[in-house]
C-alpha atoms as a PDB file:
ATOM      1  CA  MET A   1     -14.846 -13.678 -55.563  1.00  0.00           C
ATOM      2  CA  TYR A   2     -18.141 -15.436 -56.059  1.00  0.00           C
ATOM      3  CA  SER A   3     -18.598 -19.174 -55.860  1.00  0.00           C
ATOM      4  CA  LEU A   4     -21.111 -20.294 -58.473  1.00  0.00           C
ATOM      5  CA  ASP A   5     -22.053 -23.886 -59.114  1.00  0.00           C
ATOM      6  CA  ALA A   6     -23.545 -25.376 -62.287  1.00  0.00           C
ATOM      7  CA  ILE A   7     -27.130 -24.628 -61.186  1.00  0.00           C
ATOM      8  CA  ASP A   8     -26.312 -20.981 -60.420  1.00  0.00           C
ATOM      9  CA  LEU A   9     -24.704 -20.589 -63.852  1.00  0.00           C
ATOM     10  CA  LYS A  10     -27.724 -22.162 -65.540  1.00  0.00           C
ATOM     11  CA  ILE A  11     -30.092 -19.841 -63.631  1.00  0.00           C
ATOM     12  CA  LEU A  12     -28.057 -16.829 -64.731  1.00  0.00           C
ATOM     13  CA  SER A  13     -27.957 -17.976 -68.357  1.00  0.00           C
ATOM     14  CA  LEU A  14     -31.752 -18.412 -68.368  1.00  0.00           C
ATOM     15  CA  LEU A  15     -32.632 -15.168 -66.571  1.00  0.00           C
ATOM     16  CA  GLN A  16     -30.202 -12.861 -68.381  1.00  0.00           C
ATOM     17  CA  PRO A  17     -32.105 -12.766 -71.703  1.00  0.00           C
ATOM     18  CA  ASP A  18     -35.533 -13.124 -70.040  1.00  0.00           C
ATOM     19  CA  ALA A  19     -35.739 -11.507 -66.609  1.00  0.00           C
ATOM     20  CA  ARG A  20     -39.518 -12.017 -66.673  1.00  0.00           C
ATOM     21  CA  MET A  21     -39.189 -15.795 -66.774  1.00  0.00           C
ATOM     22  CA  GLN A  22     -41.638 -17.268 -64.290  1.00  0.00           C
ATOM     23  CA  ASN A  23     -40.210 -19.255 -61.400  1.00  0.00           C
ATOM     24  CA  ALA A  24     -42.234 -22.336 -62.438  1.00  0.00           C
ATOM     25  CA  ALA A  25     -40.768 -22.225 -65.972  1.00  0.00           C
ATOM     26  CA  LEU A  26     -37.281 -21.747 -64.554  1.00  0.00           C
ATOM     27  CA  ALA A  27     -37.783 -24.731 -62.228  1.00  0.00           C
ATOM     28  CA  LYS A  28     -39.009 -26.877 -65.130  1.00  0.00           C
ATOM     29  CA  GLU A  29     -35.918 -25.969 -67.226  1.00  0.00           C
ATOM     30  CA  LEU A  30     -33.660 -26.885 -64.319  1.00  0.00           C
ATOM     31  CA  GLY A  31     -35.575 -30.003 -63.277  1.00  0.00           C
ATOM     32  CA  MET A  32     -35.922 -28.681 -59.740  1.00  0.00           C
ATOM     33  CA  ALA A  33     -38.698 -27.832 -57.307  1.00  0.00           C
ATOM     34  CA  PRO A  34     -39.948 -24.224 -57.668  1.00  0.00           C
ATOM     35  CA  SER A  35     -39.236 -23.527 -53.980  1.00  0.00           C
ATOM     36  CA  ALA A  36     -35.587 -24.599 -54.376  1.00  0.00           C
ATOM     37  CA  VAL A  37     -35.169 -22.428 -57.466  1.00  0.00           C
ATOM     38  CA  LEU A  38     -36.755 -19.446 -55.735  1.00  0.00           C
ATOM     39  CA  GLU A  39     -34.332 -19.841 -52.828  1.00  0.00           C
ATOM     40  CA  ARG A  40     -31.390 -20.022 -55.244  1.00  0.00           C
ATOM     41  CA  VAL A  41     -32.492 -16.862 -57.064  1.00  0.00           C
ATOM     42  CA  ARG A  42     -32.940 -15.025 -53.749  1.00  0.00           C
ATOM     43  CA  LYS A  43     -29.417 -15.989 -52.695  1.00  0.00           C
ATOM     44  CA  LEU A  44     -28.017 -14.759 -56.021  1.00  0.00           C
ATOM     45  CA  GLU A  45     -29.811 -11.442 -55.418  1.00  0.00           C
ATOM     46  CA  GLU A  46     -28.608 -11.171 -51.797  1.00  0.00           C
ATOM     47  CA  LYS A  47     -24.996 -11.787 -52.841  1.00  0.00           C
ATOM     48  CA  GLY A  48     -25.274  -9.016 -55.455  1.00  0.00           C
ATOM     49  CA  ILE A  49     -24.702 -11.428 -58.337  1.00  0.00           C
ATOM     50  CA  ILE A  50     -28.120 -10.571 -59.759  1.00  0.00           C
ATOM     51  CA  LYS A  51     -27.998  -6.788 -59.474  1.00  0.00           C
ATOM     52  CA  SER A  52     -31.310  -5.822 -61.083  1.00  0.00           C
ATOM     53  CA  TYR A  53     -34.051  -6.721 -63.516  1.00  0.00           C
ATOM     54  CA  THR A  54     -34.347  -4.226 -66.346  1.00  0.00           C
ATOM     55  CA  THR A  55     -36.380  -3.435 -69.426  1.00  0.00           C
ATOM     56  CA  GLY A  56     -34.566  -2.768 -72.685  1.00  0.00           C
ATOM     57  CA  ILE A  57     -36.145   0.251 -74.370  1.00  0.00           C
ATOM     58  CA  ASN A  58     -35.634   1.176 -78.010  1.00  0.00           C
ATOM     59  CA  PRO A  59     -33.860   4.579 -77.844  1.00  0.00           C
ATOM     60  CA  SER A  60     -35.709   5.805 -80.953  1.00  0.00           C
ATOM     61  CA  ALA A  61     -39.047   5.245 -79.192  1.00  0.00           C
ATOM     62  CA  VAL A  62     -38.109   7.897 -76.633  1.00  0.00           C
ATOM     63  CA  ASP A  63     -36.424  10.189 -79.187  1.00  0.00           C
ATOM     64  CA  LEU A  64     -32.846   9.457 -78.118  1.00  0.00           C
ATOM     65  CA  LYS A  65     -31.479   8.504 -81.521  1.00  0.00           C
ATOM     66  CA  LEU A  66     -28.010  10.029 -81.179  1.00  0.00           C
ATOM     67  CA  LEU A  67     -25.394   7.910 -79.425  1.00  0.00           C
ATOM     68  CA  ALA A  68     -22.003   9.326 -78.520  1.00  0.00           C
ATOM     69  CA  PHE A  69     -18.946   8.335 -76.555  1.00  0.00           C
ATOM     70  CA  ILE A  70     -17.087  11.189 -74.894  1.00  0.00           C
ATOM     71  CA  SER A  71     -13.529  10.896 -73.615  1.00  0.00           C
ATOM     72  CA  ILE A  72     -12.797  13.313 -70.791  1.00  0.00           C
ATOM     73  CA  LYS A  73      -9.441  14.604 -69.624  1.00  0.00           C
ATOM     74  CA  SER A  74      -9.249  16.123 -66.161  1.00  0.00           C
ATOM     75  CA  SER A  75      -6.827  18.453 -64.452  1.00  0.00           C
ATOM     76  CA  THR A  76      -6.657  16.228 -61.380  1.00  0.00           C
ATOM     77  CA  GLY A  77      -4.354  13.262 -61.021  1.00  0.00           C
ATOM     78  CA  PRO A  78      -5.152   9.582 -61.443  1.00  0.00           C
ATOM     79  CA  GLY A  79      -7.295   8.203 -58.671  1.00  0.00           C
ATOM     80  CA  ASP A  80      -9.192  11.452 -58.048  1.00  0.00           C
ATOM     81  CA  LEU A  81     -12.815  10.450 -58.551  1.00  0.00           C
ATOM     82  CA  ASN A  82     -14.449  13.840 -57.875  1.00  0.00           C
ATOM     83  CA  ILE A  83     -15.282  14.404 -61.543  1.00  0.00           C
ATOM     84  CA  GLY A  84     -16.731  10.899 -61.662  1.00  0.00           C
ATOM     85  CA  GLU A  85     -19.085  11.838 -58.822  1.00  0.00           C
ATOM     86  CA  TYR A  86     -20.384  14.797 -60.868  1.00  0.00           C
ATOM     87  CA  LEU A  87     -20.774  12.680 -64.005  1.00  0.00           C
ATOM     88  CA  LYS A  88     -22.665   9.901 -62.183  1.00  0.00           C
ATOM     89  CA  GLN A  89     -25.439  12.361 -61.368  1.00  0.00           C
ATOM     90  CA  MET A  90     -26.150  13.262 -65.009  1.00  0.00           C
ATOM     91  CA  PRO A  91     -29.111  11.332 -66.467  1.00  0.00           C
ATOM     92  CA  GLN A  92     -27.729  11.565 -70.016  1.00  0.00           C
ATOM     93  CA  VAL A  93     -24.672   9.566 -68.929  1.00  0.00           C
ATOM     94  CA  LEU A  94     -25.585   5.910 -69.480  1.00  0.00           C
ATOM     95  CA  GLU A  95     -22.140   4.517 -68.746  1.00  0.00           C
ATOM     96  CA  LEU A  96     -19.176   6.003 -66.926  1.00  0.00           C
ATOM     97  CA  HIS A  97     -15.741   4.417 -66.894  1.00  0.00           C
ATOM     98  CA  ASN A  98     -12.532   5.574 -65.214  1.00  0.00           C
ATOM     99  CA  ILE A  99      -9.861   4.580 -67.751  1.00  0.00           C
ATOM    100  CA  ALA A 100      -6.109   4.294 -68.199  1.00  0.00           C
ATOM    101  CA  GLY A 101      -4.381   6.258 -70.941  1.00  0.00           C
ATOM    102  CA  ASP A 102      -4.392   9.875 -72.047  1.00  0.00           C
ATOM    103  CA  ASP A 103      -7.941  10.465 -70.866  1.00  0.00           C
ATOM    104  CA  CYS A 104      -9.380   9.920 -67.392  1.00  0.00           C
ATOM    105  CA  TYR A 105     -12.975   8.959 -68.168  1.00  0.00           C
ATOM    106  CA  ILE A 106     -15.111   7.755 -71.025  1.00  0.00           C
ATOM    107  CA  ILE A 107     -18.873   8.172 -70.972  1.00  0.00           C
ATOM    108  CA  LYS A 108     -21.684   6.822 -73.115  1.00  0.00           C
ATOM    109  CA  VAL A 109     -24.369   9.417 -73.793  1.00  0.00           C
ATOM    110  CA  ARG A 110     -27.724   9.403 -75.588  1.00  0.00           C
ATOM    111  CA  ALA A 111     -29.240  12.587 -76.981  1.00  0.00           C
ATOM    112  CA  THR A 112     -32.085  13.624 -79.249  1.00  0.00           C
ATOM    113  CA  ASP A 113     -29.918  15.261 -81.902  1.00  0.00           C
ATOM    114  CA  PRO A 114     -26.572  17.052 -82.366  1.00  0.00           C
ATOM    115  CA  GLN A 115     -27.970  20.264 -80.887  1.00  0.00           C
ATOM    116  CA  SER A 116     -29.097  18.567 -77.685  1.00  0.00           C
ATOM    117  CA  LEU A 117     -25.693  16.868 -77.423  1.00  0.00           C
ATOM    118  CA  ALA A 118     -23.995  20.260 -77.801  1.00  0.00           C
ATOM    119  CA  HIS A 119     -26.319  21.686 -75.138  1.00  0.00           C
ATOM    120  CA  PHE A 120     -25.405  18.830 -72.767  1.00  0.00           C
ATOM    121  CA  MET A 121     -21.696  19.342 -73.382  1.00  0.00           C
ATOM    122  CA  ARG A 122     -21.902  23.107 -72.922  1.00  0.00           C
ATOM    123  CA  ASN A 123     -24.307  23.277 -69.996  1.00  0.00           C
ATOM    124  CA  SER A 124     -23.536  20.064 -68.115  1.00  0.00           C
ATOM    125  CA  LEU A 125     -20.006  18.882 -68.912  1.00  0.00           C
ATOM    126  CA  GLY A 126     -18.775  22.446 -69.320  1.00  0.00           C
ATOM    127  CA  ARG A 127     -19.729  23.217 -65.717  1.00  0.00           C
ATOM    128  CA  VAL A 128     -17.891  20.326 -64.093  1.00  0.00           C
ATOM    129  CA  PRO A 129     -14.823  21.678 -62.290  1.00  0.00           C
ATOM    130  CA  GLY A 130     -11.616  20.000 -63.371  1.00  0.00           C
ATOM    131  CA  ILE A 131     -12.563  18.942 -66.908  1.00  0.00           C
ATOM    132  CA  VAL A 132      -9.754  20.127 -69.183  1.00  0.00           C
ATOM    133  CA  SER A 133     -10.915  18.720 -72.507  1.00  0.00           C
ATOM    134  CA  THR A 134     -13.323  16.330 -74.178  1.00  0.00           C
ATOM    135  CA  LYS A 135     -13.197  14.284 -77.358  1.00  0.00           C
ATOM    136  CA  THR A 136     -16.543  13.177 -78.780  1.00  0.00           C
ATOM    137  CA  THR A 137     -17.199  10.236 -81.068  1.00  0.00           C
ATOM    138  CA  ILE A 138     -20.671  10.116 -82.609  1.00  0.00           C
ATOM    139  CA  VAL A 139     -21.964   6.681 -83.557  1.00  0.00           C
ATOM    140  CA  LEU A 140     -23.225   6.438 -87.138  1.00  0.00           C
ATOM    141  CA  GLU A 141     -24.678   2.940 -86.870  1.00  0.00           C
ATOM    142  CA  THR A 142     -24.902   0.406 -84.049  1.00  0.00           C
ATOM    143  CA  LEU A 143     -24.145  -3.127 -85.196  1.00  0.00           C
ATOM    144  CA  LYS A 144     -24.477  -4.750 -81.777  1.00  0.00           C
ATOM    145  CA  GLU A 145     -25.533  -3.410 -78.419  1.00  0.00           C
ATOM    146  CA  ASP A 146     -26.459  -5.531 -75.443  1.00  0.00           C
ATOM    147  CA  ASN A 147     -25.409  -6.003 -71.876  1.00  0.00           C
ATOM    148  CA  TYR A 148     -25.413  -9.792 -71.817  1.00  0.00           C
ATOM    149  CA  LEU A 149     -22.366 -11.289 -70.173  1.00  0.00           C
ATOM    150  CA  PRO A 150     -20.880 -14.432 -71.703  1.00  0.00           C
ATOM    151  CA  ILE A 151     -21.773 -16.738 -68.809  1.00  0.00           C
ATOM    152  CA  PRO A 152     -19.474 -19.757 -68.724  1.00  0.00           C
ATOM    153  CA  LYS A 153     -21.005 -23.153 -69.325  1.00  0.00           C
ATOM    154  CA  PRO A 154     -21.064 -25.346 -66.226  1.00  0.00           C
ATOM    155  CA  THR A 155     -18.140 -27.761 -66.218  1.00  0.00           C
ATOM    156  CA  ASP A 156     -20.410 -30.795 -65.817  1.00  0.00           C
ATOM    157  CA  GLU A 157     -22.000 -30.317 -69.284  1.00  0.00           C
END
């Protein structure tokens, strides 16, 4: 469990939508000295609370217009993560979740078109030992897609 105070929560809420925010601007927003803010951010990074700084890229700009979710059933029992290790290595797999229910995994995949998705399923997923079946859902339209967490408001506000 992580212990976050009001300042930590405010830092996270400011950096999440704008990871490029300059330390001086962050310090001004918080009403703190830049050196104190820098130390706080470093501690959040060291603790693994801030995991990375990323760039959101429009999938169409890199010709990855097709989005699909694929449910995967395996022949191995619950808790066997060997298939997950194979799936983690595939660059087309943007998200990988071990799930409860009829299926064992669900993955989020981007592809150029239906043919490239079929090629991925045949030549990548089809070669993973232990996959019994897949069920693919192709997204027609994305209404919302982001990775922002709903950071709680500090209790002193």
